[in-house]
Amino acid sequence: MFDHHHTTTDSPISAADITAQAGTGTVRMSTGQRIDSRRLLSGGNELVIEHAGQEYRLRLTRNDKLILTK
């Protein structure tokens, strides 16, 4: 899912990187784009992702692994 060893700049994600659908709160990334997991988690250990009306949790473990659960 995420290439933990891929390095990116610490600059914020720009509008060119992602497109948000107005009024839905949905964020879509185009195919092939990469984002560092640290930026995605914004310094936290967990991120809730809404997909097709369901909630998924992306969690960073103590062993520095990512787990996605429904």
PDB file of N, CA and C in Angstrom:
ATOM      1  N   MET A   1       0.826  -1.181   0.000  1.00  0.00           N
ATOM      2  CA  MET A   1       0.000   0.000   0.000  1.00  0.00           C
ATOM      3  C   MET A   1       0.870   1.245   0.000  1.00  0.00           C
ATOM      4  N   PHE A   2       1.753   1.387   0.988  1.00  0.00           N
ATOM      5  CA  PHE A   2       2.606   2.561   1.058  1.00  0.00           C
ATOM      6  C   PHE A   2       4.052   2.117   1.078  1.00  0.00           C
ATOM      7  N   ASP A   3       4.895   2.825   0.359  1.00  0.00           N
ATOM      8  CA  ASP A   3       6.314   2.546   0.346  1.00  0.00           C
ATOM      9  C   ASP A   3       6.941   3.362   1.463  1.00  0.00           C
ATOM     10  N   HIS A   4       7.164   2.743   2.618  1.00  0.00           N
ATOM     11  CA  HIS A   4       7.653   3.442   3.798  1.00  0.00           C
ATOM     12  C   HIS A   4       9.036   4.044   3.562  1.00  0.00           C
ATOM     13  N   HIS A   5       9.835   3.433   2.691  1.00  0.00           N
ATOM     14  CA  HIS A   5      11.191   3.901   2.480  1.00  0.00           C
ATOM     15  C   HIS A   5      11.288   4.969   1.409  1.00  0.00           C
ATOM     16  N   HIS A   6      10.183   5.266   0.735  1.00  0.00           N
ATOM     17  CA  HIS A   6      10.169   6.321  -0.282  1.00  0.00           C
ATOM     18  C   HIS A   6      10.222   7.666   0.416  1.00  0.00           C
ATOM     19  N   THR A   7      11.126   8.514   0.010  1.00  0.00           N
ATOM     20  CA  THR A   7      11.244   9.822   0.648  1.00  0.00           C
ATOM     21  C   THR A   7      10.545  10.879  -0.183  1.00  0.00           C
ATOM     22  N   THR A   8       9.934  11.819   0.508  1.00  0.00           N
ATOM     23  CA  THR A   8       9.286  12.951  -0.138  1.00  0.00           C
ATOM     24  C   THR A   8       9.701  14.212   0.580  1.00  0.00           C
ATOM     25  N   THR A   9       9.369  15.340   0.016  1.00  0.00           N
ATOM     26  CA  THR A   9       9.647  16.602   0.687  1.00  0.00           C
ATOM     27  C   THR A   9       8.634  16.798   1.806  1.00  0.00           C
ATOM     28  N   ASP A  10       8.933  17.681   2.725  1.00  0.00           N
ATOM     29  CA  ASP A  10       8.027  17.968   3.837  1.00  0.00           C
ATOM     30  C   ASP A  10       7.035  19.057   3.488  1.00  0.00           C
ATOM     31  N   SER A  11       6.959  19.441   2.224  1.00  0.00           N
ATOM     32  CA  SER A  11       6.031  20.496   1.835  1.00  0.00           C
ATOM     33  C   SER A  11       4.604  19.983   1.922  1.00  0.00           C
ATOM     34  N   PRO A  12       3.643  20.875   2.172  1.00  0.00           N
ATOM     35  CA  PRO A  12       2.251  20.447   2.260  1.00  0.00           C
ATOM     36  C   PRO A  12       1.745  19.913   0.930  1.00  0.00           C
ATOM     37  N   ILE A  13       0.714  19.099   0.986  1.00  0.00           N
ATOM     38  CA  ILE A  13       0.100  18.572  -0.222  1.00  0.00           C
ATOM     39  C   ILE A  13      -0.638  19.716  -0.900  1.00  0.00           C
ATOM     40  N   SER A  14      -0.384  19.904  -2.172  1.00  0.00           N
ATOM     41  CA  SER A  14      -1.016  21.005  -2.888  1.00  0.00           C
ATOM     42  C   SER A  14      -2.281  20.541  -3.587  1.00  0.00           C
ATOM     43  N   ALA A  15      -3.037  21.488  -4.095  1.00  0.00           N
ATOM     44  CA  ALA A  15      -4.251  21.178  -4.840  1.00  0.00           C
ATOM     45  C   ALA A  15      -3.920  20.352  -6.068  1.00  0.00           C
ATOM     46  N   ALA A  16      -2.711  20.481  -6.592  1.00  0.00           N
ATOM     47  CA  ALA A  16      -2.299  19.687  -7.748  1.00  0.00           C
ATOM     48  C   ALA A  16      -2.121  18.223  -7.373  1.00  0.00           C
ATOM     49  N   ASP A  17      -1.824  17.945  -6.100  1.00  0.00           N
ATOM     50  CA  ASP A  17      -1.615  16.570  -5.645  1.00  0.00           C
ATOM     51  C   ASP A  17      -2.921  15.817  -5.448  1.00  0.00           C
ATOM     52  N   ILE A  18      -3.942  16.491  -4.953  1.00  0.00           N
ATOM     53  CA  ILE A  18      -5.219  15.831  -4.662  1.00  0.00           C
ATOM     54  C   ILE A  18      -6.372  16.687  -5.149  1.00  0.00           C
ATOM     55  N   THR A  19      -7.506  16.067  -5.357  1.00  0.00           N
ATOM     56  CA  THR A  19      -8.705  16.789  -5.752  1.00  0.00           C
ATOM     57  C   THR A  19      -9.806  16.437  -4.774  1.00  0.00           C
ATOM     58  N   ALA A  20     -10.390  17.423  -4.126  1.00  0.00           N
ATOM     59  CA  ALA A  20     -11.485  17.183  -3.187  1.00  0.00           C
ATOM     60  C   ALA A  20     -12.800  17.473  -3.882  1.00  0.00           C
ATOM     61  N   GLN A  21     -13.746  16.578  -3.737  1.00  0.00           N
ATOM     62  CA  GLN A  21     -15.062  16.815  -4.307  1.00  0.00           C
ATOM     63  C   GLN A  21     -15.822  17.746  -3.375  1.00  0.00           C
ATOM     64  N   ALA A  22     -16.255  18.871  -3.889  1.00  0.00           N
ATOM     65  CA  ALA A  22     -16.931  19.880  -3.076  1.00  0.00           C
ATOM     66  C   ALA A  22     -18.168  19.310  -2.400  1.00  0.00           C
ATOM     67  N   GLY A  23     -18.265  19.552  -1.113  1.00  0.00           N
ATOM     68  CA  GLY A  23     -19.451  19.171  -0.357  1.00  0.00           C
ATOM     69  C   GLY A  23     -19.495  17.722   0.102  1.00  0.00           C
ATOM     70  N   THR A  24     -18.601  16.868  -0.387  1.00  0.00           N
ATOM     71  CA  THR A  24     -18.669  15.460  -0.006  1.00  0.00           C
ATOM     72  C   THR A  24     -17.633  15.090   1.037  1.00  0.00           C
ATOM     73  N   GLY A  25     -16.574  15.861   1.143  1.00  0.00           N
ATOM     74  CA  GLY A  25     -15.498  15.519   2.057  1.00  0.00           C
ATOM     75  C   GLY A  25     -14.633  14.392   1.526  1.00  0.00           C
ATOM     76  N   THR A  26     -14.903  13.956   0.307  1.00  0.00           N
ATOM     77  CA  THR A  26     -14.152  12.863  -0.292  1.00  0.00           C
ATOM     78  C   THR A  26     -12.903  13.405  -0.954  1.00  0.00           C
ATOM     79  N   VAL A  27     -11.788  12.747  -0.737  1.00  0.00           N
ATOM     80  CA  VAL A  27     -10.533  13.136  -1.367  1.00  0.00           C
ATOM     81  C   VAL A  27     -10.097  11.994  -2.271  1.00  0.00           C
ATOM     82  N   ARG A  28      -9.813  12.304  -3.514  1.00  0.00           N
ATOM     83  CA  ARG A  28      -9.371  11.296  -4.478  1.00  0.00           C
ATOM     84  C   ARG A  28      -7.942  11.612  -4.911  1.00  0.00           C
ATOM     85  N   MET A  29      -7.101  10.595  -4.918  1.00  0.00           N
ATOM     86  CA  MET A  29      -5.736  10.747  -5.410  1.00  0.00           C
ATOM     87  C   MET A  29      -5.656  10.034  -6.743  1.00  0.00           C
ATOM     88  N   SER A  30      -4.968  10.633  -7.688  1.00  0.00           N
ATOM     89  CA  SER A  30      -4.849   9.980  -8.982  1.00  0.00           C
ATOM     90  C   SER A  30      -3.914   8.780  -8.876  1.00  0.00           C
ATOM     91  N   THR A  31      -4.119   7.821  -9.755  1.00  0.00           N
ATOM     92  CA  THR A  31      -3.350   6.584  -9.753  1.00  0.00           C
ATOM     93  C   THR A  31      -1.868   6.865  -9.909  1.00  0.00           C
ATOM     94  N   GLY A  32      -1.065   6.169  -9.145  1.00  0.00           N
ATOM     95  CA  GLY A  32       0.377   6.285  -9.265  1.00  0.00           C
ATOM     96  C   GLY A  32       1.020   7.322  -8.370  1.00  0.00           C
ATOM     97  N   GLN A  33       0.238   8.174  -7.745  1.00  0.00           N
ATOM     98  CA  GLN A  33       0.835   9.160  -6.848  1.00  0.00           C
ATOM     99  C   GLN A  33       1.255   8.479  -5.562  1.00  0.00           C
ATOM    100  N   ARG A  34       2.280   9.021  -4.945  1.00  0.00           N
ATOM    101  CA  ARG A  34       2.778   8.492  -3.670  1.00  0.00           C
ATOM    102  C   ARG A  34       2.681   9.577  -2.608  1.00  0.00           C
ATOM    103  N   ILE A  35       2.434   9.128  -1.398  1.00  0.00           N
ATOM    104  CA  ILE A  35       2.451  10.039  -0.259  1.00  0.00           C
ATOM    105  C   ILE A  35       3.120   9.311   0.893  1.00  0.00           C
ATOM    106  N   ASP A  36       4.012   9.984   1.563  1.00  0.00           N
ATOM    107  CA  ASP A  36       4.703   9.394   2.705  1.00  0.00           C
ATOM    108  C   ASP A  36       3.693   9.152   3.820  1.00  0.00           C
ATOM    109  N   SER A  37       3.748   8.000   4.448  1.00  0.00           N
ATOM    110  CA  SER A  37       2.788   7.654   5.496  1.00  0.00           C
ATOM    111  C   SER A  37       2.804   8.654   6.646  1.00  0.00           C
ATOM    112  N   ARG A  38       3.945   9.258   6.925  1.00  0.00           N
ATOM    113  CA  ARG A  38       4.009  10.250   8.012  1.00  0.00           C
ATOM    114  C   ARG A  38       3.167  11.465   7.687  1.00  0.00           C
ATOM    115  N   ARG A  39       3.146  11.853   6.403  1.00  0.00           N
ATOM    116  CA  ARG A  39       2.313  12.987   5.987  1.00  0.00           C
ATOM    117  C   ARG A  39       0.841  12.591   6.026  1.00  0.00           C
ATOM    118  N   LEU A  40       0.561  11.379   5.595  1.00  0.00           N
ATOM    119  CA  LEU A  40      -0.816  10.899   5.577  1.00  0.00           C
ATOM    120  C   LEU A  40      -1.396  10.831   6.992  1.00  0.00           C
ATOM    121  N   LEU A  41      -0.613  10.356   7.940  1.00  0.00           N
ATOM    122  CA  LEU A  41      -1.064  10.233   9.325  1.00  0.00           C
ATOM    123  C   LEU A  41      -0.929  11.539  10.108  1.00  0.00           C
ATOM    124  N   SER A  42      -0.301  12.541   9.528  1.00  0.00           N
ATOM    125  CA  SER A  42      -0.129  13.873  10.143  1.00  0.00           C
ATOM    126  C   SER A  42       0.443  13.800  11.555  1.00  0.00           C
ATOM    127  N   GLY A  43       1.427  12.943  11.744  1.00  0.00           N
ATOM    128  CA  GLY A  43       2.087  12.852  13.048  1.00  0.00           C
ATOM    129  C   GLY A  43       1.356  11.974  14.049  1.00  0.00           C
ATOM    130  N   GLY A  44       0.166  11.501  13.711  1.00  0.00           N
ATOM    131  CA  GLY A  44      -0.585  10.628  14.608  1.00  0.00           C
ATOM    132  C   GLY A  44      -0.311   9.166  14.318  1.00  0.00           C
ATOM    133  N   ASN A  45      -1.056   8.295  14.999  1.00  0.00           N
ATOM    134  CA  ASN A  45      -0.897   6.855  14.818  1.00  0.00           C
ATOM    135  C   ASN A  45      -2.068   6.210  14.110  1.00  0.00           C
ATOM    136  N   GLU A  46      -3.109   6.986  13.831  1.00  0.00           N
ATOM    137  CA  GLU A  46      -4.296   6.396  13.223  1.00  0.00           C
ATOM    138  C   GLU A  46      -5.000   7.409  12.326  1.00  0.00           C
ATOM    139  N   LEU A  47      -5.568   6.884  11.232  1.00  0.00           N
ATOM    140  CA  LEU A  47      -6.316   7.694  10.284  1.00  0.00           C
ATOM    141  C   LEU A  47      -7.595   6.952   9.945  1.00  0.00           C
ATOM    142  N   VAL A  48      -8.727   7.638   9.982  1.00  0.00           N
ATOM    143  CA  VAL A  48      -9.996   7.028   9.589  1.00  0.00           C
ATOM    144  C   VAL A  48     -10.259   7.412   8.138  1.00  0.00           C
ATOM    145  N   ILE A  49     -10.511   6.392   7.316  1.00  0.00           N
ATOM    146  CA  ILE A  49     -10.777   6.584   5.895  1.00  0.00           C
ATOM    147  C   ILE A  49     -12.212   6.161   5.632  1.00  0.00           C
ATOM    148  N   GLU A  50     -13.002   7.039   5.029  1.00  0.00           N
ATOM    149  CA  GLU A  50     -14.367   6.691   4.665  1.00  0.00           C
ATOM    150  C   GLU A  50     -14.378   6.266   3.212  1.00  0.00           C
ATOM    151  N   HIS A  51     -14.945   5.080   2.959  1.00  0.00           N
ATOM    152  CA  HIS A  51     -15.018   4.550   1.600  1.00  0.00           C
ATOM    153  C   HIS A  51     -16.347   3.838   1.409  1.00  0.00           C
ATOM    154  N   ALA A  52     -17.134   4.293   0.455  1.00  0.00           N
ATOM    155  CA  ALA A  52     -18.426   3.673   0.121  1.00  0.00           C
ATOM    156  C   ALA A  52     -19.312   3.523   1.355  1.00  0.00           C
ATOM    157  N   GLY A  53     -19.320   4.554   2.190  1.00  0.00           N
ATOM    158  CA  GLY A  53     -20.164   4.550   3.376  1.00  0.00           C
ATOM    159  C   GLY A  53     -19.629   3.724   4.532  1.00  0.00           C
ATOM    160  N   GLN A  54     -18.444   3.165   4.393  1.00  0.00           N
ATOM    161  CA  GLN A  54     -17.823   2.354   5.450  1.00  0.00           C
ATOM    162  C   GLN A  54     -16.607   3.092   6.001  1.00  0.00           C
ATOM    163  N   GLU A  55     -16.291   2.847   7.274  1.00  0.00           N
ATOM    164  CA  GLU A  55     -15.089   3.423   7.879  1.00  0.00           C
ATOM    165  C   GLU A  55     -13.990   2.379   7.950  1.00  0.00           C
ATOM    166  N   TYR A  56     -12.807   2.789   7.548  1.00  0.00           N
ATOM    167  CA  TYR A  56     -11.611   1.961   7.646  1.00  0.00           C
ATOM    168  C   TYR A  56     -10.605   2.719   8.493  1.00  0.00           C
ATOM    169  N   ARG A  57      -9.805   2.003   9.231  1.00  0.00           N
ATOM    170  CA  ARG A  57      -8.780   2.630  10.069  1.00  0.00           C
ATOM    171  C   ARG A  57      -7.397   2.192   9.609  1.00  0.00           C
ATOM    172  N   LEU A  58      -6.559   3.174   9.317  1.00  0.00           N
ATOM    173  CA  LEU A  58      -5.165   2.924   8.985  1.00  0.00           C
ATOM    174  C   LEU A  58      -4.379   3.236  10.240  1.00  0.00           C
ATOM    175  N   ARG A  59      -3.710   2.229  10.771  1.00  0.00           N
ATOM    176  CA  ARG A  59      -3.030   2.382  12.058  1.00  0.00           C
ATOM    177  C   ARG A  59      -1.544   2.057  11.924  1.00  0.00           C
ATOM    178  N   LEU A  60      -0.715   2.865  12.567  1.00  0.00           N
ATOM    179  CA  LEU A  60       0.719   2.644  12.640  1.00  0.00           C
ATOM    180  C   LEU A  60       1.009   1.886  13.931  1.00  0.00           C
ATOM    181  N   THR A  61       1.645   0.718  13.826  1.00  0.00           N
ATOM    182  CA  THR A  61       1.919  -0.112  15.002  1.00  0.00           C
ATOM    183  C   THR A  61       3.222   0.310  15.689  1.00  0.00           C
ATOM    184  N   ARG A  62       3.439  -0.247  16.863  1.00  0.00           N
ATOM    185  CA  ARG A  62       4.687   0.007  17.594  1.00  0.00           C
ATOM    186  C   ARG A  62       5.891  -0.528  16.830  1.00  0.00           C
ATOM    187  N   ASN A  63       5.666  -1.520  15.962  1.00  0.00           N
ATOM    188  CA  ASN A  63       6.745  -2.101  15.165  1.00  0.00           C
ATOM    189  C   ASN A  63       6.918  -1.378  13.821  1.00  0.00           C
ATOM    190  N   ASP A  64       6.312  -0.196  13.694  1.00  0.00           N
ATOM    191  CA  ASP A  64       6.425   0.649  12.507  1.00  0.00           C
ATOM    192  C   ASP A  64       5.850  -0.013  11.252  1.00  0.00           C
ATOM    193  N   LYS A  65       4.743  -0.744  11.438  1.00  0.00           N
ATOM    194  CA  LYS A  65       4.003  -1.357  10.328  1.00  0.00           C
ATOM    195  C   LYS A  65       2.660  -0.666  10.199  1.00  0.00           C
ATOM    196  N   LEU A  66       2.066  -0.716   8.992  1.00  0.00           N
ATOM    197  CA  LEU A  66       0.746  -0.166   8.768  1.00  0.00           C
ATOM    198  C   LEU A  66      -0.268  -1.284   8.703  1.00  0.00           C
ATOM    199  N   ILE A  67      -1.406  -1.083   9.384  1.00  0.00           N
ATOM    200  CA  ILE A  67      -2.499  -2.047   9.361  1.00  0.00           C
ATOM    201  C   ILE A  67      -3.771  -1.301   8.964  1.00  0.00           C
ATOM    202  N   LEU A  68      -4.480  -1.834   7.973  1.00  0.00           N
ATOM    203  CA  LEU A  68      -5.760  -1.275   7.543  1.00  0.00           C
ATOM    204  C   LEU A  68      -6.855  -2.233   7.968  1.00  0.00           C
ATOM    205  N   THR A  69      -7.809  -1.748   8.788  1.00  0.00           N
ATOM    206  CA  THR A  69      -8.902  -2.580   9.266  1.00  0.00           C
ATOM    207  C   THR A  69     -10.235  -1.898   8.972  1.00  0.00           C
ATOM    208  N   LYS A  70     -11.266  -2.719   8.858  1.00  0.00           N
ATOM    209  CA  LYS A  70     -12.619  -2.216   8.610  1.00  0.00           C
ATOM    210  C   LYS A  70     -13.342  -2.097   9.932  1.00  0.00           C
TER     211      LYS A  70
END
